[in-house]
Amino acid sequence: MSLKETSSSTTGEARAGGVFTPGRIATAAVALLTLVLAFENTRQVRIRLLVPEVSAPLSLALLVTALLGAVCGGWVTARRRRG
């Protein structure tokens, strides 16, 4: 890379807020809190899925729910961008 390319990308990054934008900080905080919540709740719980009932650690149920929420949110965001 030339000096000109390096300096322009540095000033562009500084203008855009750099690596630590408020949205990224909030996302990291929510992700960290989700992990703490999941790992603090490790007891077995019964989960009813329409008809069957399964037993699983609460932390696993919370993580699966968080992942499903993230997938659904990503899907909705992708559909909004396309249409």
C-alpha atoms as a PDB file:
ATOM      1  CA  MET A   1       0.000   0.000   0.000  1.00  0.00           C
ATOM      2  CA  SER A   2       1.164   3.507  -0.684  1.00  0.00           C
ATOM      3  CA  LEU A   3       1.300   6.210   1.951  1.00  0.00           C
ATOM      4  CA  LYS A   4      -1.620   8.003   0.327  1.00  0.00           C
ATOM      5  CA  GLU A   5      -3.867   4.896   0.555  1.00  0.00           C
ATOM      6  CA  THR A   6      -2.917   4.330   4.182  1.00  0.00           C
ATOM      7  CA  SER A   7      -3.568   7.903   5.277  1.00  0.00           C
ATOM      8  CA  SER A   8      -6.918   8.144   3.480  1.00  0.00           C
ATOM      9  CA  SER A   9      -8.173   4.905   5.007  1.00  0.00           C
ATOM     10  CA  THR A  10      -7.065   6.051   8.456  1.00  0.00           C
ATOM     11  CA  THR A  11      -8.899   9.365   8.215  1.00  0.00           C
ATOM     12  CA  GLY A  12     -11.974   7.616   6.807  1.00  0.00           C
ATOM     13  CA  GLU A  13     -11.997   5.211   9.730  1.00  0.00           C
ATOM     14  CA  ALA A  14     -11.622   8.068  12.228  1.00  0.00           C
ATOM     15  CA  ARG A  15     -14.506   9.931  10.611  1.00  0.00           C
ATOM     16  CA  ALA A  16     -16.782   6.884  10.714  1.00  0.00           C
ATOM     17  CA  GLY A  17     -16.179   6.353  14.440  1.00  0.00           C
ATOM     18  CA  GLY A  18     -13.492   3.702  14.197  1.00  0.00           C
ATOM     19  CA  VAL A  19     -13.854   0.211  15.537  1.00  0.00           C
ATOM     20  CA  PHE A  20     -15.771   1.143  18.704  1.00  0.00           C
ATOM     21  CA  THR A  21     -19.056   2.606  17.489  1.00  0.00           C
ATOM     22  CA  PRO A  22     -21.980   2.913  19.920  1.00  0.00           C
ATOM     23  CA  GLY A  23     -23.879   0.187  18.075  1.00  0.00           C
ATOM     24  CA  ARG A  24     -20.988  -2.259  18.290  1.00  0.00           C
ATOM     25  CA  ILE A  25     -20.452  -1.507  21.977  1.00  0.00           C
ATOM     26  CA  ALA A  26     -24.155  -2.063  22.708  1.00  0.00           C
ATOM     27  CA  THR A  27     -24.166  -5.308  20.717  1.00  0.00           C
ATOM     28  CA  ALA A  28     -21.098  -6.577  22.572  1.00  0.00           C
ATOM     29  CA  ALA A  29     -22.654  -5.660  25.930  1.00  0.00           C
ATOM     30  CA  VAL A  30     -25.904  -7.472  25.118  1.00  0.00           C
ATOM     31  CA  ALA A  31     -23.987 -10.528  23.879  1.00  0.00           C
ATOM     32  CA  LEU A  32     -21.872 -10.578  27.041  1.00  0.00           C
ATOM     33  CA  LEU A  33     -24.946 -10.255  29.273  1.00  0.00           C
ATOM     34  CA  THR A  34     -26.647 -13.060  27.337  1.00  0.00           C
ATOM     35  CA  LEU A  35     -23.670 -15.343  27.901  1.00  0.00           C
ATOM     36  CA  VAL A  36     -23.503 -14.477  31.624  1.00  0.00           C
ATOM     37  CA  LEU A  37     -27.229 -15.150  32.005  1.00  0.00           C
ATOM     38  CA  ALA A  38     -26.954 -18.462  30.196  1.00  0.00           C
ATOM     39  CA  PHE A  39     -23.937 -19.706  32.138  1.00  0.00           C
ATOM     40  CA  GLU A  40     -25.367 -18.669  35.507  1.00  0.00           C
ATOM     41  CA  ASN A  41     -28.529 -20.717  34.923  1.00  0.00           C
ATOM     42  CA  THR A  42     -27.357 -24.303  34.528  1.00  0.00           C
ATOM     43  CA  ARG A  43     -30.080 -26.267  36.331  1.00  0.00           C
ATOM     44  CA  GLN A  44     -32.228 -28.765  34.431  1.00  0.00           C
ATOM     45  CA  VAL A  45     -35.652 -27.561  33.272  1.00  0.00           C
ATOM     46  CA  ARG A  46     -38.549 -29.206  31.468  1.00  0.00           C
ATOM     47  CA  ILE A  47     -39.394 -27.605  28.143  1.00  0.00           C
ATOM     48  CA  ARG A  48     -42.626 -28.346  26.353  1.00  0.00           C
ATOM     49  CA  LEU A  49     -42.405 -28.122  22.550  1.00  0.00           C
ATOM     50  CA  LEU A  50     -46.041 -28.293  21.442  1.00  0.00           C
ATOM     51  CA  VAL A  51     -46.560 -31.983  22.345  1.00  0.00           C
ATOM     52  CA  PRO A  52     -43.231 -33.520  23.460  1.00  0.00           C
ATOM     53  CA  GLU A  53     -41.626 -32.521  26.729  1.00  0.00           C
ATOM     54  CA  VAL A  54     -37.836 -32.504  26.979  1.00  0.00           C
ATOM     55  CA  SER A  55     -35.429 -31.894  29.825  1.00  0.00           C
ATOM     56  CA  ALA A  56     -32.387 -29.706  29.195  1.00  0.00           C
ATOM     57  CA  PRO A  57     -30.138 -27.271  31.031  1.00  0.00           C
ATOM     58  CA  LEU A  58     -31.673 -23.804  31.207  1.00  0.00           C
ATOM     59  CA  SER A  59     -28.457 -22.356  29.763  1.00  0.00           C
ATOM     60  CA  LEU A  60     -28.879 -24.449  26.608  1.00  0.00           C
ATOM     61  CA  ALA A  61     -32.507 -23.346  26.241  1.00  0.00           C
ATOM     62  CA  LEU A  62     -31.500 -19.695  26.649  1.00  0.00           C
ATOM     63  CA  LEU A  63     -28.675 -19.952  24.119  1.00  0.00           C
ATOM     64  CA  VAL A  64     -30.881 -21.712  21.565  1.00  0.00           C
ATOM     65  CA  THR A  65     -33.536 -19.030  22.028  1.00  0.00           C
ATOM     66  CA  ALA A  66     -30.946 -16.261  21.589  1.00  0.00           C
ATOM     67  CA  LEU A  67     -29.601 -17.898  18.421  1.00  0.00           C
ATOM     68  CA  LEU A  68     -33.097 -18.295  16.992  1.00  0.00           C
ATOM     69  CA  GLY A  69     -33.770 -14.629  17.730  1.00  0.00           C
ATOM     70  CA  ALA A  70     -30.535 -13.593  16.016  1.00  0.00           C
ATOM     71  CA  VAL A  71     -31.348 -15.688  12.943  1.00  0.00           C
ATOM     72  CA  CYS A  72     -34.861 -14.238  12.726  1.00  0.00           C
ATOM     73  CA  GLY A  73     -33.524 -10.695  13.152  1.00  0.00           C
ATOM     74  CA  GLY A  74     -30.929 -11.253  10.439  1.00  0.00           C
ATOM     75  CA  TRP A  75     -33.556 -12.670   8.114  1.00  0.00           C
ATOM     76  CA  VAL A  76     -35.865  -9.670   8.620  1.00  0.00           C
ATOM     77  CA  THR A  77     -32.975  -7.243   8.102  1.00  0.00           C
ATOM     78  CA  ALA A  78     -31.908  -8.997   4.888  1.00  0.00           C
ATOM     79  CA  ARG A  79     -35.458  -8.909   3.531  1.00  0.00           C
ATOM     80  CA  ARG A  80     -35.749  -5.175   4.253  1.00  0.00           C
ATOM     81  CA  ARG A  81     -32.527  -4.464   2.392  1.00  0.00           C
ATOM     82  CA  ARG A  82     -33.681  -6.405  -0.679  1.00  0.00           C
ATOM     83  CA  GLY A  83     -37.146  -5.009  -0.973  1.00  0.00           C
END
